[in-house]
N, C-alpha and C. Protein backbone atom coordinates (compact mmCIF):
# COMPACT_ATOMS: atom_id res chain seq x y z
N MET A 1 54.52 246.84 206.52
CA MET A 1 55.70 245.96 206.00
C MET A 1 56.80 246.55 206.10
N MET A 2 56.56 248.20 206.03
CA MET A 2 57.94 249.36 206.22
C MET A 2 58.18 249.00 207.55
N SER A 3 57.58 248.57 209.05
CA SER A 3 57.97 248.37 210.27
C SER A 3 58.67 246.96 210.37
N MET A 4 58.23 246.12 209.35
CA MET A 4 59.00 244.81 209.99
C MET A 4 60.43 245.22 209.06
N PHE A 5 60.57 245.88 207.87
CA PHE A 5 61.67 246.37 207.33
C PHE A 5 62.65 247.04 208.34
N GLY A 6 62.15 247.83 209.01
CA GLY A 6 62.71 248.79 210.35
C GLY A 6 63.64 247.98 210.87
N CYS A 7 62.48 247.29 211.09
CA CYS A 7 63.14 246.00 212.59
C CYS A 7 64.21 245.41 212.02
N SER A 8 64.19 244.91 211.06
CA SER A 8 64.90 243.81 210.47
C SER A 8 66.42 244.18 210.60
N THR A 9 66.37 245.94 209.70
CA THR A 9 67.55 246.64 209.82
C THR A 9 68.22 246.85 210.95
N ASP A 10 67.56 247.20 212.28
CA ASP A 10 67.96 247.72 213.73
C ASP A 10 68.84 246.35 214.10
N ARG A 11 68.32 245.47 213.69
CA ARG A 11 68.54 243.91 214.12
C ARG A 11 69.70 243.45 213.68
N ALA A 12 69.95 243.65 211.99
CA ALA A 12 71.46 243.82 211.45
C ALA A 12 72.12 244.06 212.12
N LYS A 13 72.19 245.64 212.47
CA LYS A 13 72.82 246.66 213.21
C LYS A 13 73.56 245.70 214.21
N GLU A 14 72.28 245.34 214.96
CA GLU A 14 73.10 244.67 216.32
C GLU A 14 73.76 243.45 216.48
N LEU A 15 73.47 242.62 215.26
CA LEU A 15 74.27 241.59 215.22
C LEU A 15 76.12 241.89 214.54
N HIS A 16 76.10 242.76 214.14
CA HIS A 16 77.09 243.63 213.41
C HIS A 16 77.93 244.09 214.33
N THR A 17 77.44 244.90 215.63
CA THR A 17 78.07 245.64 216.65
C THR A 17 78.94 244.46 217.52
N SER A 18 80.35 245.02 217.16
CA SER A 18 81.25 244.17 218.20
C SER A 18 81.57 244.49 219.15
N ALA A 19 82.33 244.27 220.13
CA ALA A 19 83.23 244.68 221.48
C ALA A 19 83.65 245.60 221.30
N PHE A 20 84.38 246.13 220.38
CA PHE A 20 85.33 246.96 220.14
C PHE A 20 84.30 248.28 219.60
N ASP A 21 83.18 248.20 219.19
CA ASP A 21 82.33 249.33 218.92
C ASP A 21 81.55 249.68 220.09
N SER A 22 81.61 249.03 221.23
CA SER A 22 80.71 249.51 222.28
C SER A 22 81.77 250.02 223.09
N LEU A 23 83.05 250.57 222.67
CA LEU A 23 84.09 251.06 223.57
C LEU A 23 83.80 252.51 224.08
N PRO A 24 84.16 252.93 224.94
CA PRO A 24 83.67 254.61 225.37
C PRO A 24 85.01 255.31 224.55
N THR A 25 84.93 256.49 224.21
CA THR A 25 86.05 257.46 223.35
C THR A 25 86.51 258.15 224.71
N PHE A 26 87.71 258.18 224.73
CA PHE A 26 88.27 258.85 225.79
C PHE A 26 89.01 260.23 225.45
N ARG A 27 89.80 259.73 224.48
CA ARG A 27 90.00 261.29 223.83
C ARG A 27 90.87 261.31 222.42
N THR A 28 91.33 262.25 221.91
CA THR A 28 91.68 262.10 220.52
C THR A 28 93.07 262.19 220.27
N VAL A 29 94.22 261.69 219.86
CA VAL A 29 95.72 261.27 219.79
C VAL A 29 95.67 262.66 218.89
N GLU A 30 96.74 263.49 219.51
CA GLU A 30 97.41 264.53 218.60
C GLU A 30 97.97 264.43 217.60
N PRO A 31 98.56 264.95 216.58
CA PRO A 31 99.60 264.66 215.90
C PRO A 31 100.61 264.40 215.92
N PHE A 32 101.75 263.40 215.88
CA PHE A 32 102.95 263.28 216.10
C PHE A 32 103.76 263.07 215.30
N SER A 33 105.30 262.62 215.18
CA SER A 33 106.61 262.12 214.39
C SER A 33 107.21 261.66 215.18
N GLY A 34 107.88 260.84 214.77
CA GLY A 34 109.47 260.22 215.16
C GLY A 34 109.81 259.62 214.38
N VAL A 35 111.14 258.58 214.42
CA VAL A 35 111.77 258.04 214.01
C VAL A 35 111.30 256.33 214.35
N ASP A 36 111.47 255.75 213.45
CA ASP A 36 110.90 254.05 214.11
C ASP A 36 112.46 253.30 213.99
N HIS A 37 112.32 252.39 214.11
CA HIS A 37 113.77 251.16 214.35
C HIS A 37 114.41 250.79 213.10
N ARG A 38 113.80 251.46 212.17
CA ARG A 38 114.28 251.21 211.06
C ARG A 38 115.22 252.38 210.24
N GLY A 39 114.78 253.42 211.15
CA GLY A 39 115.79 254.63 211.07
C GLY A 39 114.83 255.65 210.04
N LYS A 40 113.57 255.32 209.81
CA LYS A 40 112.43 255.79 209.22
C LYS A 40 111.46 256.89 209.41
N PRO A 41 111.10 257.71 209.12
CA PRO A 41 110.33 258.77 209.85
C PRO A 41 108.56 257.76 209.81
N LEU A 42 108.15 258.17 211.39
CA LEU A 42 106.47 257.41 211.28
C LEU A 42 105.95 258.74 211.96
N LEU A 43 105.03 259.08 210.82
CA LEU A 43 103.87 259.98 211.30
C LEU A 43 102.61 259.57 211.79
N SER A 44 101.90 260.15 212.54
CA SER A 44 100.49 259.64 213.11
C SER A 44 99.90 259.47 212.02
N SER A 45 99.88 260.57 211.20
CA SER A 45 98.74 260.24 209.91
C SER A 45 99.25 259.07 209.19
N ALA A 46 99.70 258.41 209.11
CA ALA A 46 100.12 256.84 208.40
C ALA A 46 99.48 255.93 209.67
N LEU A 47 98.97 256.41 210.32
CA LEU A 47 98.25 255.29 211.21
C LEU A 47 96.68 255.40 211.61
N ARG A 48 96.38 256.71 210.74
CA ARG A 48 95.03 257.19 210.74
C ARG A 48 94.59 256.07 209.82
N GLY A 49 93.04 255.39 209.83
CA GLY A 49 92.48 254.05 209.27
C GLY A 49 92.85 253.00 209.60
N HIS A 50 94.06 253.04 210.64
CA HIS A 50 94.27 251.67 211.39
C HIS A 50 93.90 252.08 212.75
N VAL A 51 93.23 250.25 213.37
CA VAL A 51 93.63 250.53 214.82
C VAL A 51 94.80 250.14 215.10
N TRP A 52 95.07 250.34 216.28
CA TRP A 52 96.51 250.32 216.91
C TRP A 52 96.58 250.53 218.40
N LEU A 53 97.58 249.43 219.21
CA LEU A 53 98.13 249.87 219.92
C LEU A 53 99.21 250.23 220.42
N GLY A 54 98.78 251.26 221.01
CA GLY A 54 99.98 251.94 221.76
C GLY A 54 100.60 251.73 223.10
N SER A 55 102.11 252.22 223.38
CA SER A 55 102.85 251.62 224.72
C SER A 55 103.60 252.13 224.77
N PHE A 56 104.48 252.49 226.13
CA PHE A 56 105.78 253.01 226.19
C PHE A 56 106.79 252.39 226.81
N PHE A 57 108.11 252.10 226.27
CA PHE A 57 108.82 251.36 226.93
C PHE A 57 110.55 251.81 226.91
N PHE A 58 111.31 251.55 227.13
CA PHE A 58 113.00 251.94 227.26
C PHE A 58 113.67 250.57 227.05
N THR A 59 114.78 250.36 226.13
CA THR A 59 115.57 249.12 226.01
C THR A 59 116.53 248.43 227.05
N ARG A 60 116.56 249.95 228.00
CA ARG A 60 117.17 249.13 229.33
C ARG A 60 116.73 249.01 230.58
N CYS A 61 115.26 248.88 230.08
CA CYS A 61 114.20 248.44 231.24
C CYS A 61 114.60 246.73 231.71
N GLU A 62 115.00 246.38 232.69
CA GLU A 62 114.85 244.70 232.99
C GLU A 62 113.82 244.47 233.64
N THR A 63 112.78 245.31 233.83
CA THR A 63 111.53 244.83 234.63
C THR A 63 110.09 244.80 233.89
N VAL A 64 109.43 245.46 233.95
CA VAL A 64 108.13 245.61 233.47
C VAL A 64 108.30 245.41 231.55
N CYS A 65 109.25 246.31 231.31
CA CYS A 65 109.38 246.70 229.68
C CYS A 65 109.49 245.19 228.96
N PRO A 66 110.34 244.24 229.75
CA PRO A 66 110.48 242.78 228.65
C PRO A 66 108.79 242.38 229.10
N ALA A 67 108.31 241.94 229.97
CA ALA A 67 106.84 241.55 230.17
C ALA A 67 106.06 241.72 229.40
N LEU A 68 106.00 243.21 229.39
CA LEU A 68 104.84 244.17 228.30
C LEU A 68 105.24 243.72 227.06
N ASN A 69 105.96 243.71 226.31
CA ASN A 69 106.73 243.50 225.14
C ASN A 69 106.50 241.85 224.69
N THR A 70 106.72 241.05 225.44
CA THR A 70 106.44 239.61 225.55
C THR A 70 104.68 239.59 225.41
N VAL A 71 104.41 240.36 226.31
CA VAL A 71 102.48 240.30 225.76
C VAL A 71 102.31 240.60 224.47
N GLN A 72 102.92 241.85 223.83
CA GLN A 72 102.64 242.21 222.66
C GLN A 72 102.92 241.68 221.29
N THR A 73 104.23 240.79 222.16
CA THR A 73 104.49 239.71 220.94
C THR A 73 103.26 238.56 220.79
N GLY A 74 102.75 238.22 220.94
CA GLY A 74 101.46 237.53 221.37
C GLY A 74 100.55 238.12 220.47
N LEU A 75 100.11 239.30 220.97
CA LEU A 75 98.94 240.04 220.24
C LEU A 75 99.04 240.32 218.96
N GLN A 76 100.47 240.59 218.67
CA GLN A 76 101.05 240.86 217.14
C GLN A 76 101.15 239.54 216.30
N ARG A 77 101.27 237.86 217.19
CA ARG A 77 100.97 237.16 216.56
C ARG A 77 99.47 236.89 216.20
N SER A 78 98.54 237.25 217.28
CA SER A 78 97.22 237.00 216.80
C SER A 78 96.25 237.95 216.25
N PHE A 79 96.91 239.36 216.53
CA PHE A 79 96.06 240.42 215.55
C PHE A 79 96.86 241.05 214.47
N GLY A 80 98.21 240.74 214.26
CA GLY A 80 99.08 241.34 213.47
C GLY A 80 98.32 241.97 212.16
N ALA A 81 97.23 241.04 211.50
CA ALA A 81 96.78 241.52 210.25
C ALA A 81 95.60 242.23 210.25
N SER A 82 95.20 242.44 211.34
CA SER A 82 94.20 243.69 211.32
C SER A 82 94.69 244.85 212.47
N VAL A 83 95.59 244.67 213.27
CA VAL A 83 95.77 246.00 214.30
C VAL A 83 97.63 245.87 214.09
N LYS A 84 97.92 247.37 214.55
CA LYS A 84 99.23 247.95 214.14
C LYS A 84 99.39 248.28 215.68
N PHE A 85 100.85 248.10 215.72
CA PHE A 85 101.27 248.30 217.01
C PHE A 85 102.65 249.75 217.26
N VAL A 86 102.48 250.32 217.97
CA VAL A 86 103.41 251.36 217.85
C VAL A 86 103.96 251.57 219.66
N SER A 87 105.42 251.20 219.97
CA SER A 87 105.92 250.98 221.22
C SER A 87 106.71 252.57 221.12
N ILE A 88 106.75 253.16 221.92
CA ILE A 88 107.30 254.48 221.69
C ILE A 88 108.23 254.66 223.14
N SER A 89 109.53 254.87 222.73
CA SER A 89 110.61 255.01 223.63
C SER A 89 110.53 256.29 224.45
N SER A 90 110.71 255.83 225.97
CA SER A 90 110.58 257.02 227.17
C SER A 90 111.84 257.28 227.49
N ASP A 91 113.11 256.60 226.63
CA ASP A 91 113.95 257.14 226.91
C ASP A 91 114.71 257.82 225.50
N PRO A 92 114.58 258.58 224.77
CA PRO A 92 114.81 258.99 223.45
C PRO A 92 116.65 259.16 222.86
N GLU A 93 116.99 259.79 224.35
CA GLU A 93 118.60 259.65 224.42
C GLU A 93 119.12 258.65 223.84
N PHE A 94 118.93 257.86 224.68
CA PHE A 94 119.58 256.13 224.24
C PHE A 94 119.03 255.48 223.44
N ASP A 95 117.96 255.11 223.21
CA ASP A 95 116.95 254.19 222.32
C ASP A 95 117.07 254.97 221.00
N THR A 96 118.23 255.00 220.46
CA THR A 96 118.14 255.50 218.66
C THR A 96 117.81 254.13 217.67
N PRO A 97 117.49 254.23 216.47
CA PRO A 97 117.12 253.50 215.77
C PRO A 97 118.03 252.39 215.50
N SER A 98 119.00 252.27 215.84
CA SER A 98 119.78 251.02 215.67
C SER A 98 119.77 250.13 217.18
N VAL A 99 119.81 251.16 218.33
CA VAL A 99 119.18 250.32 219.77
C VAL A 99 117.92 249.41 219.38
N MET A 100 116.92 250.54 219.03
CA MET A 100 115.83 249.95 219.12
C MET A 100 115.27 248.84 217.71
N ALA A 101 116.33 248.88 216.79
CA ALA A 101 116.18 247.44 215.91
C ALA A 101 116.48 246.22 216.47
N GLU A 102 117.50 246.41 217.31
CA GLU A 102 118.02 245.07 218.11
C GLU A 102 116.99 244.77 218.86
N TYR A 103 116.72 245.23 219.45
CA TYR A 103 115.18 245.25 220.57
C TYR A 103 113.92 245.11 219.86
N ALA A 104 113.57 245.14 218.84
CA ALA A 104 112.63 245.29 217.69
C ALA A 104 112.94 243.60 217.41
N THR A 105 113.99 243.16 216.81
CA THR A 105 114.34 241.66 216.72
C THR A 105 114.28 240.88 217.86
N ARG A 106 114.56 241.11 218.91
CA ARG A 106 114.46 240.56 219.66
C ARG A 106 112.90 240.00 220.23
N TYR A 107 111.65 240.81 220.01
CA TYR A 107 110.70 240.69 220.31
C TYR A 107 110.08 239.91 218.70
N GLY A 108 110.48 240.15 217.92
CA GLY A 108 110.01 239.68 216.60
C GLY A 108 108.76 240.50 215.97
N ALA A 109 109.03 241.63 216.01
CA ALA A 109 108.10 242.79 215.30
C ALA A 109 108.36 242.92 213.86
N ARG A 110 107.41 242.66 213.39
CA ARG A 110 107.26 242.36 211.91
C ARG A 110 107.18 243.68 211.45
N ASP A 111 107.71 243.94 210.36
CA ASP A 111 107.87 245.49 209.50
C ASP A 111 106.14 245.36 208.92
N GLY A 112 106.11 246.82 209.18
CA GLY A 112 104.62 247.35 208.62
C GLY A 112 103.35 246.92 209.71
N VAL A 113 104.16 246.39 210.41
CA VAL A 113 102.85 245.46 211.92
C VAL A 113 103.25 246.60 213.15
N TRP A 114 104.82 246.77 213.43
CA TRP A 114 105.00 246.79 215.10
C TRP A 114 105.99 247.68 214.71
N TRP A 115 106.05 249.15 215.16
CA TRP A 115 106.98 250.12 215.06
C TRP A 115 107.48 250.27 216.79
N PHE A 116 108.97 250.35 216.52
CA PHE A 116 109.50 250.91 217.82
C PHE A 116 109.95 252.05 217.62
N VAL A 117 109.45 253.24 218.46
CA VAL A 117 109.62 254.52 217.75
C VAL A 117 110.25 255.55 218.99
N ASN A 118 111.14 256.57 218.05
CA ASN A 118 112.07 257.76 219.06
C ASN A 118 111.17 258.75 218.55
N LEU A 119 110.74 259.40 219.65
CA LEU A 119 110.10 260.91 219.58
C LEU A 119 110.61 261.79 220.44
N PRO A 120 110.97 263.18 220.09
CA PRO A 120 112.03 264.28 220.75
C PRO A 120 111.25 264.10 221.95
N GLN A 121 111.88 264.22 223.23
CA GLN A 121 111.66 264.31 224.56
C GLN A 121 110.34 264.98 224.97
N ASP A 122 110.20 266.26 224.38
CA ASP A 122 109.01 267.09 224.75
C ASP A 122 107.85 266.46 223.93
N GLU A 123 107.99 265.77 222.71
CA GLU A 123 106.69 265.11 222.22
C GLU A 123 106.31 264.05 222.40
N MET A 124 107.30 263.17 223.11
CA MET A 124 107.13 262.10 223.71
C MET A 124 106.32 262.45 225.20
N MET A 125 106.46 263.41 225.87
CA MET A 125 106.12 263.75 226.90
C MET A 125 104.28 264.30 227.14
N ARG A 126 104.45 264.66 226.32
CA ARG A 126 103.13 265.46 225.17
C ARG A 126 102.13 264.15 225.19
N LEU A 127 102.98 263.35 224.19
CA LEU A 127 102.00 262.29 223.81
C LEU A 127 101.66 261.32 224.98
N ALA A 128 102.51 261.18 225.57
CA ALA A 128 102.16 260.28 227.01
C ALA A 128 100.76 261.01 228.05
N SER A 129 101.08 262.16 228.28
CA SER A 129 100.17 262.97 229.24
C SER A 129 98.95 263.14 228.50
N SER A 130 98.76 264.43 227.25
CA SER A 130 97.71 264.94 227.23
C SER A 130 97.35 264.45 226.09
N SER A 131 98.10 263.63 225.23
CA SER A 131 97.10 262.83 224.25
C SER A 131 96.79 261.43 224.37
N LEU A 132 97.65 260.29 225.14
CA LEU A 132 97.24 259.01 225.16
C LEU A 132 96.71 259.03 226.70
N GLY A 133 96.92 259.81 227.23
CA GLY A 133 96.17 260.11 228.47
C GLY A 133 97.17 259.06 229.63
N LEU A 134 98.29 258.78 229.52
CA LEU A 134 99.09 257.95 230.78
C LEU A 134 99.75 259.48 231.99
N ILE A 135 100.14 258.83 232.81
CA ILE A 135 100.35 259.81 233.61
C ILE A 135 101.48 260.44 233.19
N PRO A 136 102.12 261.56 233.42
CA PRO A 136 102.89 262.08 232.66
C PRO A 136 104.35 261.55 233.14
N PRO A 137 105.49 261.69 232.32
CA PRO A 137 106.97 260.62 232.95
C PRO A 137 107.28 261.81 233.86
N ALA A 138 108.21 261.52 235.07
CA ALA A 138 108.94 262.10 235.96
C ALA A 138 110.38 262.32 235.57
N SER A 139 110.80 261.35 234.77
CA SER A 139 111.94 261.31 234.46
C SER A 139 111.91 260.31 232.97
N PRO A 140 113.40 260.02 232.28
CA PRO A 140 113.11 259.28 230.77
C PRO A 140 112.96 257.90 231.27
N ASP A 141 112.99 257.63 232.44
CA ASP A 141 112.87 255.97 232.75
C ASP A 141 111.15 255.66 232.94
N MET A 142 110.45 256.78 232.69
CA MET A 142 108.82 256.34 232.35
C MET A 142 108.79 255.34 231.62
N HIS A 143 107.72 254.32 232.42
CA HIS A 143 107.32 253.51 231.10
C HIS A 143 106.14 252.64 232.09
N SER A 144 105.20 252.11 231.66
CA SER A 144 103.75 251.46 231.62
C SER A 144 103.90 249.98 231.20
N THR A 145 103.02 249.64 232.32
CA THR A 145 102.30 248.42 231.92
C THR A 145 100.77 248.25 231.31
N ARG A 146 100.91 249.33 230.72
CA ARG A 146 99.52 249.70 230.08
C ARG A 146 99.54 249.63 228.34
N PHE A 147 98.96 249.13 227.83
CA PHE A 147 98.48 249.35 226.47
C PHE A 147 97.32 250.64 226.29
N VAL A 148 97.55 251.18 225.28
CA VAL A 148 96.24 252.37 224.97
C VAL A 148 95.62 251.90 223.59
N LEU A 149 94.30 251.44 223.28
CA LEU A 149 93.66 251.06 222.11
C LEU A 149 93.20 252.49 221.69
N VAL A 150 93.66 252.87 220.03
CA VAL A 150 93.46 253.77 219.43
C VAL A 150 92.96 253.46 218.35
N ASP A 151 91.73 253.51 217.63
CA ASP A 151 90.58 253.59 216.71
C ASP A 151 91.01 253.84 215.53
N THR A 152 90.43 254.03 214.40
CA THR A 152 90.88 254.28 212.94
C THR A 152 90.87 256.06 212.78
N ALA A 153 90.12 256.25 213.86
CA ALA A 153 89.81 257.86 213.79
C ALA A 153 90.50 258.96 214.58
N MET A 154 91.70 258.11 215.01
CA MET A 154 92.80 258.65 216.24
C MET A 154 92.03 258.78 217.68
N HIS A 155 91.06 258.03 217.92
CA HIS A 155 90.54 258.23 219.59
C HIS A 155 91.14 257.19 220.71
N VAL A 156 91.38 257.16 221.41
CA VAL A 156 91.26 256.54 222.41
C VAL A 156 90.58 256.05 222.91
N ARG A 157 90.61 254.43 222.77
CA ARG A 157 89.21 253.84 223.22
C ARG A 157 89.28 252.93 224.35
N GLY A 158 90.65 252.73 224.73
CA GLY A 158 90.98 251.61 226.38
C GLY A 158 91.99 251.70 226.29
N TYR A 159 91.85 251.15 227.83
CA TYR A 159 93.49 251.39 228.27
C TYR A 159 93.62 249.91 229.08
N TYR A 160 94.46 248.95 229.12
CA TYR A 160 94.60 247.92 229.50
C TYR A 160 95.88 247.40 230.06
N ASP A 161 95.92 247.32 230.94
CA ASP A 161 97.33 246.68 231.70
C ASP A 161 97.73 245.54 231.20
N SER A 162 98.99 245.22 230.82
CA SER A 162 99.09 243.88 230.42
C SER A 162 99.54 243.02 231.25
N ALA A 163 99.54 243.54 232.47
CA ALA A 163 99.72 242.34 233.72
C ALA A 163 98.88 241.93 234.40
N ASP A 164 97.65 242.18 233.82
CA ASP A 164 96.49 241.84 234.65
C ASP A 164 95.85 241.02 233.70
N THR A 165 95.63 239.99 234.19
CA THR A 165 94.79 238.49 232.82
C THR A 165 93.34 239.02 232.94
N ALA A 166 92.63 239.61 233.51
CA ALA A 166 91.42 240.12 233.19
C ALA A 166 91.28 241.24 231.99
N ASP A 167 92.35 242.41 232.36
CA ASP A 167 92.56 243.22 231.17
C ASP A 167 92.72 242.73 229.51
N MET A 168 93.96 241.67 229.83
CA MET A 168 94.32 240.89 228.61
C MET A 168 92.97 240.29 227.61
N THR A 169 92.02 239.95 228.51
CA THR A 169 91.09 239.04 228.06
C THR A 169 89.95 239.86 227.41
N LYS A 170 89.87 241.29 228.48
CA LYS A 170 89.12 242.15 227.73
C LYS A 170 89.56 242.79 226.14
N LEU A 171 91.12 242.77 226.21
CA LEU A 171 91.61 243.60 224.66
C LEU A 171 91.71 242.58 223.83
N ARG A 172 91.64 241.38 224.33
CA ARG A 172 91.53 240.25 223.28
C ARG A 172 90.10 240.15 222.52
N ALA A 173 89.24 240.38 223.27
CA ALA A 173 87.64 240.22 222.85
C ALA A 173 87.83 241.61 221.86
N ALA A 174 88.40 243.28 222.26
CA ALA A 174 88.38 244.14 221.76
C ALA A 174 89.00 244.16 220.35
N LEU A 175 90.19 243.08 220.22
CA LEU A 175 90.77 243.04 218.72
C LEU A 175 90.24 242.52 218.04
N ALA A 176 89.65 240.69 218.65
CA ALA A 176 88.95 239.81 218.02
C ALA A 176 87.70 240.61 217.26
N GLY A 177 87.02 241.59 217.74
CA GLY A 177 86.41 242.67 217.16
C GLY A 177 86.46 243.29 215.84
N VAL A 178 87.72 244.24 215.72
CA VAL A 178 88.35 244.37 214.83
C VAL A 178 88.73 243.45 213.85
N ALA A 179 89.43 242.72 213.77
CA ALA A 179 90.03 241.40 213.39
C ALA A 179 88.57 240.53 212.46
N SER A 180 87.19 240.78 213.14
CA SER A 180 85.98 239.68 212.34
C SER A 180 85.91 240.84 211.22
């Protein structure tokens, strides 16, 4: 009887494993702090306990950033009830809160769901390179088409290219696992 109970418990755990649970852990996001598009502080500690999707952008970008943020708008629509979104400016000198607020409105960023964040240049570079594991920027114009998926314990769990249909299918499956 005990072995049957043990088997049924193991089977129950298998049934509750989602695509998100099976993702590898790449690194831990180090603490950071910045100012969001509303002029309010955003501390990484406020993201602990939430699954979030990070990305880098700059408001003057006319190529990949608009495409990236259009994809993110759709992700926010689908998963905004269970996932947070953090878009970090790679041009902190220009992307002030008021500039980012206009940009956030253009993409339909919902308060408490999607933040556009300005960090000091050195902190942004550290976050992009060692903490989130993206290629270190060579200039303030650094941007990427990739999203970084971070779990509730601030571990990087995946990288997904917003311009790659297969990657976006994988990301949506992972996020669906969070939402369930």
